[in-house]
Amino acid sequence: MLLGQICDKGSRMKKFFACLTLLFVAANYGFAEDLYEDDLSPKEAYEMQKEGAVLIDVRTPSEFIYAEHPLGAINVPVIYFDYEPKSVDVRIKAAKFELEKQKGADARKLYDIGSRENKKFVEDVKKIVATLKPKAILVLCHSGQRSQYAANILAKSGFENVYNVDEGIIGWKEEGLPTAGE
């Protein structure tokens, strides 16, 4: 997908994470084409999981904990996001604006947001594969962009039978597939 196509779709948060992830990927890896096996629907992934595939959830720990996760998924973040709050004065001004206008301010403007790659991502997935000996590796994130990135990293690192779960946890929940978490 082109960056413009992704950044024109979906909610603000989805667009933000997708654009940030794609910029990170372009800067660090520049995958021109997908190296992993294929994209799967959440239902296809669920069926493969029941048949012995392992499901790796590459979202941040807070997303895994607070935004639900597929039952049996193993959380191995591919990218961590760092949030540094701007000054208290900036945050006070935003709170006053919200109360006065009775609408939300863009909370992202209250933080300096950075991203960094999980240096142990491949190593952790190797441990999972060595322990569970799965038939396939299914990779899932929020909407499908980070998992696509992670699936490419795994394929480039020599893993076989790696699949991206298209639409991520959003599609998983829309399909009514089993989840855990808050």
N, C-alpha and C. Protein backbone atom coordinates (compact mmCIF):
# COMPACT_ATOMS: atom_id res chain seq x y z
N MET A 1 0.83 -1.19 0.00
CA MET A 1 0.00 0.00 0.00
C MET A 1 0.87 1.25 0.00
N LEU A 2 0.37 2.26 -0.58
CA LEU A 2 1.08 3.52 -0.57
C LEU A 2 0.80 4.26 0.73
N LEU A 3 1.76 5.03 1.19
CA LEU A 3 1.60 5.80 2.42
C LEU A 3 0.37 6.68 2.35
N GLY A 4 0.14 7.33 1.23
CA GLY A 4 -1.02 8.22 1.08
C GLY A 4 -2.34 7.49 1.22
N GLN A 5 -2.42 6.26 0.68
CA GLN A 5 -3.64 5.49 0.80
C GLN A 5 -3.94 5.17 2.25
N ILE A 6 -2.94 4.76 2.97
CA ILE A 6 -3.14 4.40 4.37
C ILE A 6 -3.47 5.63 5.20
N CYS A 7 -2.77 6.72 4.96
CA CYS A 7 -2.97 7.91 5.77
C CYS A 7 -4.29 8.60 5.47
N ASP A 8 -4.98 8.22 4.39
CA ASP A 8 -6.28 8.78 4.09
C ASP A 8 -7.41 7.95 4.67
N LYS A 9 -7.12 6.77 5.22
CA LYS A 9 -8.14 5.87 5.74
C LYS A 9 -8.24 5.96 7.25
N GLY A 10 -9.44 5.63 7.78
CA GLY A 10 -9.62 5.30 9.18
C GLY A 10 -9.60 6.45 10.16
N SER A 11 -9.62 6.05 11.43
CA SER A 11 -9.65 6.99 12.54
C SER A 11 -8.33 7.73 12.67
N ARG A 12 -8.35 8.78 13.44
CA ARG A 12 -7.13 9.56 13.65
C ARG A 12 -6.02 8.71 14.26
N MET A 13 -6.36 7.92 15.28
CA MET A 13 -5.35 7.11 15.95
C MET A 13 -4.82 6.06 14.99
N LYS A 14 -5.70 5.44 14.23
CA LYS A 14 -5.26 4.44 13.26
C LYS A 14 -4.35 5.08 12.23
N LYS A 15 -4.73 6.24 11.74
CA LYS A 15 -3.90 6.94 10.75
C LYS A 15 -2.55 7.31 11.36
N PHE A 16 -2.57 7.79 12.60
CA PHE A 16 -1.34 8.20 13.24
C PHE A 16 -0.37 7.03 13.36
N PHE A 17 -0.83 5.90 13.92
CA PHE A 17 0.05 4.75 14.10
C PHE A 17 0.48 4.17 12.77
N ALA A 18 -0.43 4.12 11.80
CA ALA A 18 -0.07 3.58 10.49
C ALA A 18 1.00 4.45 9.83
N CYS A 19 0.82 5.75 9.86
CA CYS A 19 1.79 6.65 9.23
C CYS A 19 3.13 6.61 9.95
N LEU A 20 3.09 6.60 11.29
CA LEU A 20 4.32 6.54 12.06
C LEU A 20 5.06 5.24 11.79
N THR A 21 4.34 4.14 11.74
CA THR A 21 4.96 2.85 11.46
C THR A 21 5.55 2.81 10.06
N LEU A 22 4.81 3.31 9.08
CA LEU A 22 5.31 3.27 7.71
C LEU A 22 6.54 4.16 7.53
N LEU A 23 6.55 5.28 8.19
CA LEU A 23 7.74 6.13 8.14
C LEU A 23 8.93 5.41 8.76
N PHE A 24 8.70 4.72 9.88
CA PHE A 24 9.74 3.96 10.55
C PHE A 24 10.26 2.87 9.62
N VAL A 25 9.34 2.14 9.00
CA VAL A 25 9.71 1.06 8.08
C VAL A 25 10.51 1.61 6.91
N ALA A 26 10.01 2.66 6.29
CA ALA A 26 10.69 3.22 5.12
C ALA A 26 12.09 3.68 5.48
N ALA A 27 12.22 4.29 6.65
CA ALA A 27 13.53 4.80 7.06
C ALA A 27 14.50 3.69 7.40
N ASN A 28 13.99 2.58 7.97
CA ASN A 28 14.88 1.54 8.47
C ASN A 28 15.00 0.31 7.59
N TYR A 29 13.98 -0.01 6.82
CA TYR A 29 14.02 -1.25 6.05
C TYR A 29 13.72 -1.08 4.57
N GLY A 30 12.80 -0.21 4.24
CA GLY A 30 12.47 0.05 2.85
C GLY A 30 11.99 -1.17 2.08
N PHE A 31 11.16 -2.03 2.69
CA PHE A 31 10.62 -3.19 1.99
C PHE A 31 9.84 -2.72 0.77
N ALA A 32 10.24 -3.16 -0.39
CA ALA A 32 9.55 -2.79 -1.62
C ALA A 32 8.34 -3.69 -1.86
N GLU A 33 8.45 -4.93 -1.42
CA GLU A 33 7.35 -5.88 -1.57
C GLU A 33 7.32 -6.77 -0.35
N ASP A 34 6.19 -7.42 -0.14
CA ASP A 34 6.05 -8.29 1.02
C ASP A 34 6.88 -9.55 0.84
N LEU A 35 7.59 -9.93 1.89
CA LEU A 35 8.43 -11.12 1.86
C LEU A 35 7.76 -12.32 2.52
N TYR A 36 6.72 -12.10 3.29
CA TYR A 36 6.03 -13.17 4.00
C TYR A 36 5.06 -13.89 3.06
N GLU A 37 4.46 -14.98 3.55
CA GLU A 37 3.62 -15.85 2.72
C GLU A 37 2.41 -15.13 2.12
N ASP A 38 1.55 -14.56 2.99
CA ASP A 38 0.30 -13.99 2.49
C ASP A 38 -0.40 -13.22 3.61
N ASP A 39 -1.44 -12.48 3.21
CA ASP A 39 -2.33 -11.82 4.16
C ASP A 39 -3.52 -12.75 4.39
N LEU A 40 -3.96 -12.84 5.63
CA LEU A 40 -5.11 -13.67 5.99
C LEU A 40 -6.20 -12.81 6.59
N SER A 41 -7.43 -13.23 6.42
CA SER A 41 -8.53 -12.60 7.14
C SER A 41 -8.44 -13.06 8.59
N PRO A 42 -9.04 -12.34 9.52
CA PRO A 42 -9.05 -12.81 10.90
C PRO A 42 -9.65 -14.21 11.06
N LYS A 43 -10.72 -14.51 10.32
CA LYS A 43 -11.32 -15.85 10.41
C LYS A 43 -10.35 -16.93 9.94
N GLU A 44 -9.63 -16.67 8.85
CA GLU A 44 -8.65 -17.63 8.37
C GLU A 44 -7.55 -17.84 9.41
N ALA A 45 -7.11 -16.75 10.03
CA ALA A 45 -6.07 -16.84 11.05
C ALA A 45 -6.56 -17.64 12.26
N TYR A 46 -7.78 -17.38 12.68
CA TYR A 46 -8.36 -18.10 13.81
C TYR A 46 -8.40 -19.60 13.53
N GLU A 47 -8.82 -19.98 12.32
CA GLU A 47 -8.87 -21.40 11.96
C GLU A 47 -7.46 -22.01 11.96
N MET A 48 -6.48 -21.27 11.44
CA MET A 48 -5.09 -21.76 11.43
C MET A 48 -4.55 -21.89 12.85
N GLN A 49 -4.92 -20.94 13.72
CA GLN A 49 -4.49 -21.00 15.12
C GLN A 49 -5.04 -22.28 15.77
N LYS A 50 -6.28 -22.61 15.49
CA LYS A 50 -6.88 -23.83 16.05
C LYS A 50 -6.19 -25.09 15.53
N GLU A 51 -5.53 -24.98 14.36
CA GLU A 51 -4.85 -26.13 13.75
C GLU A 51 -3.36 -26.17 14.09
N GLY A 52 -2.88 -25.29 14.97
CA GLY A 52 -1.49 -25.38 15.41
C GLY A 52 -0.59 -24.22 15.05
N ALA A 53 -1.14 -23.16 14.47
CA ALA A 53 -0.32 -21.96 14.21
C ALA A 53 -0.22 -21.14 15.49
N VAL A 54 0.86 -20.39 15.64
CA VAL A 54 1.02 -19.50 16.78
C VAL A 54 0.64 -18.09 16.33
N LEU A 55 -0.05 -17.36 17.20
CA LEU A 55 -0.47 -15.99 16.90
C LEU A 55 0.38 -15.03 17.72
N ILE A 56 1.16 -14.20 17.02
CA ILE A 56 2.03 -13.21 17.66
C ILE A 56 1.36 -11.85 17.52
N ASP A 57 1.06 -11.21 18.65
CA ASP A 57 0.47 -9.87 18.68
C ASP A 57 1.61 -8.89 18.86
N VAL A 58 1.87 -8.06 17.84
CA VAL A 58 3.05 -7.19 17.84
C VAL A 58 2.76 -5.78 18.35
N ARG A 59 1.57 -5.58 18.92
CA ARG A 59 1.23 -4.25 19.46
C ARG A 59 1.99 -3.99 20.76
N THR A 60 1.89 -2.77 21.24
CA THR A 60 2.55 -2.41 22.49
C THR A 60 1.88 -3.14 23.65
N PRO A 61 2.59 -3.29 24.77
CA PRO A 61 1.97 -3.94 25.92
C PRO A 61 0.66 -3.28 26.37
N SER A 62 0.59 -1.96 26.34
CA SER A 62 -0.65 -1.30 26.77
C SER A 62 -1.80 -1.61 25.83
N GLU A 63 -1.54 -1.70 24.52
CA GLU A 63 -2.60 -2.09 23.59
C GLU A 63 -3.04 -3.52 23.86
N PHE A 64 -2.10 -4.40 24.09
CA PHE A 64 -2.39 -5.81 24.36
C PHE A 64 -3.25 -5.95 25.62
N ILE A 65 -2.92 -5.19 26.65
CA ILE A 65 -3.61 -5.28 27.93
C ILE A 65 -4.98 -4.60 27.88
N TYR A 66 -5.02 -3.36 27.40
CA TYR A 66 -6.22 -2.55 27.54
C TYR A 66 -7.15 -2.52 26.34
N ALA A 67 -6.71 -2.97 25.17
CA ALA A 67 -7.57 -2.92 23.98
C ALA A 67 -7.96 -4.32 23.52
N GLU A 68 -7.88 -5.27 24.40
CA GLU A 68 -8.18 -6.66 24.13
C GLU A 68 -7.13 -7.28 23.22
N HIS A 69 -7.08 -8.59 23.26
CA HIS A 69 -6.19 -9.35 22.39
C HIS A 69 -6.85 -10.70 22.08
N PRO A 70 -6.50 -11.31 20.96
CA PRO A 70 -7.05 -12.62 20.63
C PRO A 70 -6.65 -13.65 21.69
N LEU A 71 -7.57 -14.53 22.02
CA LEU A 71 -7.24 -15.60 22.97
C LEU A 71 -6.03 -16.38 22.45
N GLY A 72 -5.10 -16.63 23.34
CA GLY A 72 -3.93 -17.43 22.99
C GLY A 72 -2.83 -16.68 22.27
N ALA A 73 -3.02 -15.39 22.02
CA ALA A 73 -1.97 -14.60 21.35
C ALA A 73 -0.81 -14.38 22.31
N ILE A 74 0.38 -14.32 21.75
CA ILE A 74 1.58 -14.02 22.54
C ILE A 74 2.05 -12.62 22.14
N ASN A 75 2.19 -11.75 23.12
CA ASN A 75 2.58 -10.36 22.85
C ASN A 75 4.09 -10.23 22.73
N VAL A 76 4.54 -9.84 21.55
CA VAL A 76 5.95 -9.53 21.29
C VAL A 76 5.94 -8.23 20.49
N PRO A 77 6.03 -7.09 21.18
CA PRO A 77 5.98 -5.81 20.45
C PRO A 77 7.10 -5.71 19.43
N VAL A 78 6.78 -5.18 18.26
CA VAL A 78 7.80 -4.97 17.24
C VAL A 78 8.37 -3.56 17.36
N ILE A 79 7.54 -2.62 17.79
CA ILE A 79 7.94 -1.22 17.96
C ILE A 79 7.37 -0.72 19.29
N TYR A 80 8.16 0.02 20.00
CA TYR A 80 7.69 0.70 21.21
C TYR A 80 7.52 2.17 20.89
N PHE A 81 6.50 2.78 21.45
CA PHE A 81 6.29 4.21 21.29
C PHE A 81 6.59 4.88 22.62
N ASP A 82 7.35 5.95 22.57
CA ASP A 82 7.71 6.72 23.76
C ASP A 82 6.93 8.02 23.74
N TYR A 83 6.36 8.37 24.87
CA TYR A 83 5.56 9.58 24.99
C TYR A 83 6.18 10.47 26.06
N GLU A 84 6.66 11.62 25.65
CA GLU A 84 7.23 12.60 26.58
C GLU A 84 6.25 13.77 26.67
N PRO A 85 5.64 13.99 27.85
CA PRO A 85 4.67 15.08 27.96
C PRO A 85 5.32 16.45 27.73
N LYS A 86 4.58 17.31 27.06
CA LYS A 86 5.03 18.68 26.92
C LYS A 86 4.79 19.38 28.26
N SER A 87 5.11 20.63 28.37
CA SER A 87 5.03 21.33 29.66
C SER A 87 3.62 21.30 30.23
N VAL A 88 3.54 21.45 31.54
CA VAL A 88 2.26 21.50 32.21
C VAL A 88 1.44 22.67 31.68
N ASP A 89 2.08 23.78 31.35
CA ASP A 89 1.37 24.93 30.80
C ASP A 89 0.64 24.58 29.51
N VAL A 90 1.27 23.82 28.64
CA VAL A 90 0.64 23.40 27.38
C VAL A 90 -0.56 22.50 27.68
N ARG A 91 -0.43 21.60 28.64
CA ARG A 91 -1.52 20.69 28.99
C ARG A 91 -2.67 21.43 29.66
N ILE A 92 -2.36 22.42 30.47
CA ILE A 92 -3.41 23.24 31.09
C ILE A 92 -4.18 24.00 30.02
N LYS A 93 -3.45 24.58 29.08
CA LYS A 93 -4.08 25.33 27.99
C LYS A 93 -5.03 24.42 27.20
N ALA A 94 -4.61 23.20 26.93
CA ALA A 94 -5.45 22.25 26.19
C ALA A 94 -6.70 21.89 26.98
N ALA A 95 -6.56 21.69 28.29
CA ALA A 95 -7.72 21.36 29.12
C ALA A 95 -8.72 22.52 29.14
N LYS A 96 -8.21 23.74 29.25
CA LYS A 96 -9.10 24.91 29.22
C LYS A 96 -9.81 25.01 27.88
N PHE A 97 -9.09 24.78 26.80
CA PHE A 97 -9.68 24.82 25.45
C PHE A 97 -10.83 23.82 25.35
N GLU A 98 -10.60 22.59 25.84
CA GLU A 98 -11.63 21.56 25.76
C GLU A 98 -12.89 21.97 26.52
N LEU A 99 -12.69 22.55 27.71
CA LEU A 99 -13.85 22.96 28.50
C LEU A 99 -14.59 24.14 27.86
N GLU A 100 -13.83 25.09 27.36
CA GLU A 100 -14.45 26.26 26.73
C GLU A 100 -15.19 25.90 25.45
N LYS A 101 -14.58 25.08 24.61
CA LYS A 101 -15.15 24.74 23.30
C LYS A 101 -16.06 23.51 23.36
N GLN A 102 -16.01 22.79 24.50
CA GLN A 102 -16.77 21.55 24.65
C GLN A 102 -16.48 20.56 23.53
N LYS A 103 -15.21 20.49 23.16
CA LYS A 103 -14.76 19.49 22.19
C LYS A 103 -13.31 19.15 22.52
N GLY A 104 -12.94 17.97 22.12
CA GLY A 104 -11.60 17.49 22.43
C GLY A 104 -10.52 18.15 21.61
N ALA A 105 -9.41 18.40 22.25
CA ALA A 105 -8.21 18.89 21.56
C ALA A 105 -7.45 17.68 21.03
N ASP A 106 -6.55 17.88 20.13
CA ASP A 106 -5.73 16.79 19.62
C ASP A 106 -4.69 16.45 20.69
N ALA A 107 -4.93 15.37 21.42
CA ALA A 107 -4.08 15.00 22.55
C ALA A 107 -2.65 14.68 22.12
N ARG A 108 -2.45 14.32 20.84
CA ARG A 108 -1.09 14.03 20.38
C ARG A 108 -0.21 15.27 20.44
N LYS A 109 -0.82 16.45 20.39
CA LYS A 109 -0.04 17.69 20.45
C LYS A 109 0.47 17.97 21.86
N LEU A 110 0.05 17.17 22.81
CA LEU A 110 0.47 17.35 24.20
C LEU A 110 1.71 16.53 24.53
N TYR A 111 2.17 15.74 23.57
CA TYR A 111 3.30 14.84 23.79
C TYR A 111 4.26 14.89 22.62
N ASP A 112 5.53 14.68 22.93
CA ASP A 112 6.52 14.41 21.89
C ASP A 112 6.55 12.89 21.79
N ILE A 113 6.21 12.38 20.61
CA ILE A 113 6.07 10.94 20.43
C ILE A 113 7.21 10.43 19.55
N GLY A 114 7.87 9.42 20.04
CA GLY A 114 8.94 8.79 19.28
C GLY A 114 8.71 7.30 19.20
N SER A 115 9.39 6.65 18.29
CA SER A 115 9.27 5.20 18.19
C SER A 115 10.67 4.59 18.17
N ARG A 116 10.73 3.36 18.65
CA ARG A 116 11.98 2.62 18.62
C ARG A 116 11.66 1.15 18.41
N GLU A 117 12.52 0.49 17.69
CA GLU A 117 12.33 -0.92 17.38
C GLU A 117 12.65 -1.77 18.60
N ASN A 118 11.91 -2.86 18.77
CA ASN A 118 12.21 -3.84 19.79
C ASN A 118 13.40 -4.66 19.31
N LYS A 119 14.55 -4.46 19.91
CA LYS A 119 15.79 -5.13 19.48
C LYS A 119 15.73 -6.65 19.69
N LYS A 120 14.84 -7.11 20.59
CA LYS A 120 14.75 -8.54 20.89
C LYS A 120 13.59 -9.21 20.14
N PHE A 121 12.97 -8.51 19.19
CA PHE A 121 11.80 -9.05 18.51
C PHE A 121 12.08 -10.42 17.86
N VAL A 122 13.07 -10.49 17.00
CA VAL A 122 13.38 -11.74 16.30
C VAL A 122 13.82 -12.82 17.29
N GLU A 123 14.64 -12.45 18.24
CA GLU A 123 15.11 -13.40 19.26
C GLU A 123 13.93 -13.99 20.05
N ASP A 124 12.98 -13.15 20.43
CA ASP A 124 11.82 -13.63 21.19
C ASP A 124 10.94 -14.56 20.35
N VAL A 125 10.76 -14.22 19.09
CA VAL A 125 9.96 -15.10 18.21
C VAL A 125 10.68 -16.43 18.00
N LYS A 126 12.01 -16.41 17.91
CA LYS A 126 12.77 -17.67 17.78
C LYS A 126 12.51 -18.56 18.99
N LYS A 127 12.48 -18.00 20.19
CA LYS A 127 12.22 -18.78 21.40
C LYS A 127 10.82 -19.38 21.37
N ILE A 128 9.85 -18.59 20.90
CA ILE A 128 8.47 -19.07 20.82
C ILE A 128 8.39 -20.24 19.85
N VAL A 129 8.99 -20.09 18.68
CA VAL A 129 8.96 -21.13 17.66
C VAL A 129 9.68 -22.39 18.15
N ALA A 130 10.82 -22.23 18.80
CA ALA A 130 11.57 -23.38 19.32
C ALA A 130 10.77 -24.12 20.38
N THR A 131 10.02 -23.40 21.19
CA THR A 131 9.24 -24.01 22.27
C THR A 131 7.96 -24.66 21.75
N LEU A 132 7.21 -23.93 20.90
CA LEU A 132 5.89 -24.41 20.48
C LEU A 132 5.89 -25.21 19.18
N LYS A 133 6.93 -25.04 18.37
CA LYS A 133 7.02 -25.71 17.06
C LYS A 133 5.71 -25.59 16.27
N PRO A 134 5.29 -24.36 16.00
CA PRO A 134 4.01 -24.16 15.32
C PRO A 134 4.07 -24.51 13.83
N LYS A 135 2.90 -24.76 13.25
CA LYS A 135 2.80 -25.04 11.82
C LYS A 135 3.01 -23.76 11.01
N ALA A 136 2.63 -22.63 11.60
CA ALA A 136 2.77 -21.33 10.93
C ALA A 136 2.85 -20.25 11.99
N ILE A 137 3.34 -19.09 11.57
CA ILE A 137 3.41 -17.91 12.43
C ILE A 137 2.43 -16.88 11.88
N LEU A 138 1.46 -16.50 12.70
CA LEU A 138 0.47 -15.49 12.33
C LEU A 138 0.81 -14.22 13.09
N VAL A 139 0.85 -13.10 12.40
CA VAL A 139 1.26 -11.84 13.02
C VAL A 139 0.11 -10.85 12.95
N LEU A 140 -0.24 -10.27 14.10
CA LEU A 140 -1.40 -9.40 14.22
C LEU A 140 -1.02 -8.12 14.95
N CYS A 141 -1.65 -7.01 14.57
CA CYS A 141 -1.48 -5.74 15.29
C CYS A 141 -2.85 -5.09 15.42
N HIS A 142 -2.89 -3.77 15.43
CA HIS A 142 -4.15 -3.03 15.56
C HIS A 142 -4.98 -3.12 14.29
N SER A 143 -4.37 -2.79 13.14
CA SER A 143 -5.13 -2.71 11.89
C SER A 143 -4.45 -3.43 10.72
N GLY A 144 -3.24 -3.92 10.89
CA GLY A 144 -2.58 -4.67 9.84
C GLY A 144 -1.28 -4.08 9.31
N GLN A 145 -0.95 -2.84 9.65
CA GLN A 145 0.27 -2.25 9.11
C GLN A 145 1.51 -2.68 9.89
N ARG A 146 1.47 -2.58 11.22
CA ARG A 146 2.64 -3.00 12.00
C ARG A 146 2.89 -4.50 11.85
N SER A 147 1.82 -5.27 11.76
CA SER A 147 1.99 -6.71 11.60
C SER A 147 2.59 -7.05 10.24
N GLN A 148 2.25 -6.28 9.23
CA GLN A 148 2.86 -6.46 7.91
C GLN A 148 4.36 -6.20 8.00
N TYR A 149 4.71 -5.13 8.67
CA TYR A 149 6.11 -4.79 8.90
C TYR A 149 6.82 -5.92 9.65
N ALA A 150 6.19 -6.40 10.74
CA ALA A 150 6.78 -7.46 11.55
C ALA A 150 6.91 -8.77 10.77
N ALA A 151 5.90 -9.10 9.98
CA ALA A 151 5.94 -10.33 9.17
C ALA A 151 7.10 -10.26 8.17
N ASN A 152 7.33 -9.09 7.61
CA ASN A 152 8.46 -8.92 6.69
C ASN A 152 9.79 -9.09 7.41
N ILE A 153 9.90 -8.57 8.61
CA ILE A 153 11.14 -8.74 9.39
C ILE A 153 11.38 -10.23 9.64
N LEU A 154 10.34 -10.94 10.03
CA LEU A 154 10.50 -12.37 10.32
C LEU A 154 10.88 -13.14 9.06
N ALA A 155 10.21 -12.86 7.95
CA ALA A 155 10.54 -13.54 6.70
C ALA A 155 11.97 -13.23 6.27
N LYS A 156 12.36 -11.98 6.41
CA LYS A 156 13.73 -11.57 6.05
C LYS A 156 14.76 -12.25 6.95
N SER A 157 14.35 -12.59 8.18
CA SER A 157 15.24 -13.25 9.14
C SER A 157 15.27 -14.76 8.98
N GLY A 158 14.57 -15.29 7.99
CA GLY A 158 14.63 -16.71 7.71
C GLY A 158 13.45 -17.54 8.19
N PHE A 159 12.47 -16.93 8.83
CA PHE A 159 11.30 -17.68 9.26
C PHE A 159 10.46 -18.04 8.04
N GLU A 160 9.85 -19.23 8.08
CA GLU A 160 8.97 -19.67 7.00
C GLU A 160 7.54 -19.75 7.50
N ASN A 161 6.60 -19.79 6.57
CA ASN A 161 5.17 -19.89 6.89
C ASN A 161 4.72 -18.74 7.80
N VAL A 162 5.10 -17.54 7.44
CA VAL A 162 4.73 -16.33 8.19
C VAL A 162 3.59 -15.65 7.44
N TYR A 163 2.52 -15.31 8.18
CA TYR A 163 1.35 -14.69 7.60
C TYR A 163 0.97 -13.43 8.38
N ASN A 164 0.49 -12.43 7.67
CA ASN A 164 -0.02 -11.20 8.26
C ASN A 164 -1.53 -11.32 8.41
N VAL A 165 -2.06 -10.97 9.58
CA VAL A 165 -3.50 -10.94 9.79
C VAL A 165 -4.00 -9.56 9.40
N ASP A 166 -4.61 -9.51 8.23
CA ASP A 166 -5.12 -8.25 7.69
C ASP A 166 -6.24 -7.73 8.58
N GLU A 167 -6.29 -6.45 8.79
CA GLU A 167 -7.29 -5.75 9.61
C GLU A 167 -7.05 -5.90 11.10
N GLY A 168 -6.06 -6.66 11.52
CA GLY A 168 -5.65 -6.75 12.92
C GLY A 168 -6.75 -7.06 13.91
N ILE A 169 -6.58 -6.53 15.12
CA ILE A 169 -7.55 -6.78 16.18
C ILE A 169 -8.88 -6.11 15.85
N ILE A 170 -8.86 -5.06 15.05
CA ILE A 170 -10.12 -4.43 14.64
C ILE A 170 -10.97 -5.45 13.89
N GLY A 171 -10.40 -6.09 12.88
CA GLY A 171 -11.12 -7.11 12.13
C GLY A 171 -11.47 -8.32 12.97
N TRP A 172 -10.55 -8.69 13.85
CA TRP A 172 -10.77 -9.85 14.73
C TRP A 172 -12.04 -9.63 15.57
N LYS A 173 -12.14 -8.44 16.17
CA LYS A 173 -13.32 -8.14 17.01
C LYS A 173 -14.57 -7.98 16.15
N GLU A 174 -14.45 -7.39 14.97
CA GLU A 174 -15.61 -7.23 14.09
C GLU A 174 -16.17 -8.60 13.68
N GLU A 175 -15.31 -9.59 13.56
CA GLU A 175 -15.73 -10.94 13.19
C GLU A 175 -16.30 -11.71 14.39
N GLY A 176 -16.22 -11.11 15.58
CA GLY A 176 -16.74 -11.76 16.79
C GLY A 176 -15.89 -12.92 17.27
N LEU A 177 -14.60 -12.91 16.91
CA LEU A 177 -13.70 -13.98 17.33
C LEU A 177 -13.31 -13.76 18.81
N PRO A 178 -12.93 -14.81 19.51
CA PRO A 178 -12.70 -14.71 20.96
C PRO A 178 -11.50 -13.82 21.32
N THR A 179 -11.73 -12.99 22.33
CA THR A 179 -10.69 -12.09 22.83
C THR A 179 -10.60 -12.17 24.36
N ALA A 180 -9.51 -11.62 24.88
CA ALA A 180 -9.31 -11.48 26.32
C ALA A 180 -8.80 -10.08 26.57
N GLY A 181 -8.79 -9.68 27.82
CA GLY A 181 -8.29 -8.34 28.18
C GLY A 181 -9.46 -7.43 28.51
N GLU A 182 -9.12 -6.19 28.73
CA GLU A 182 -10.15 -5.22 29.14
C GLU A 182 -10.90 -4.63 27.98
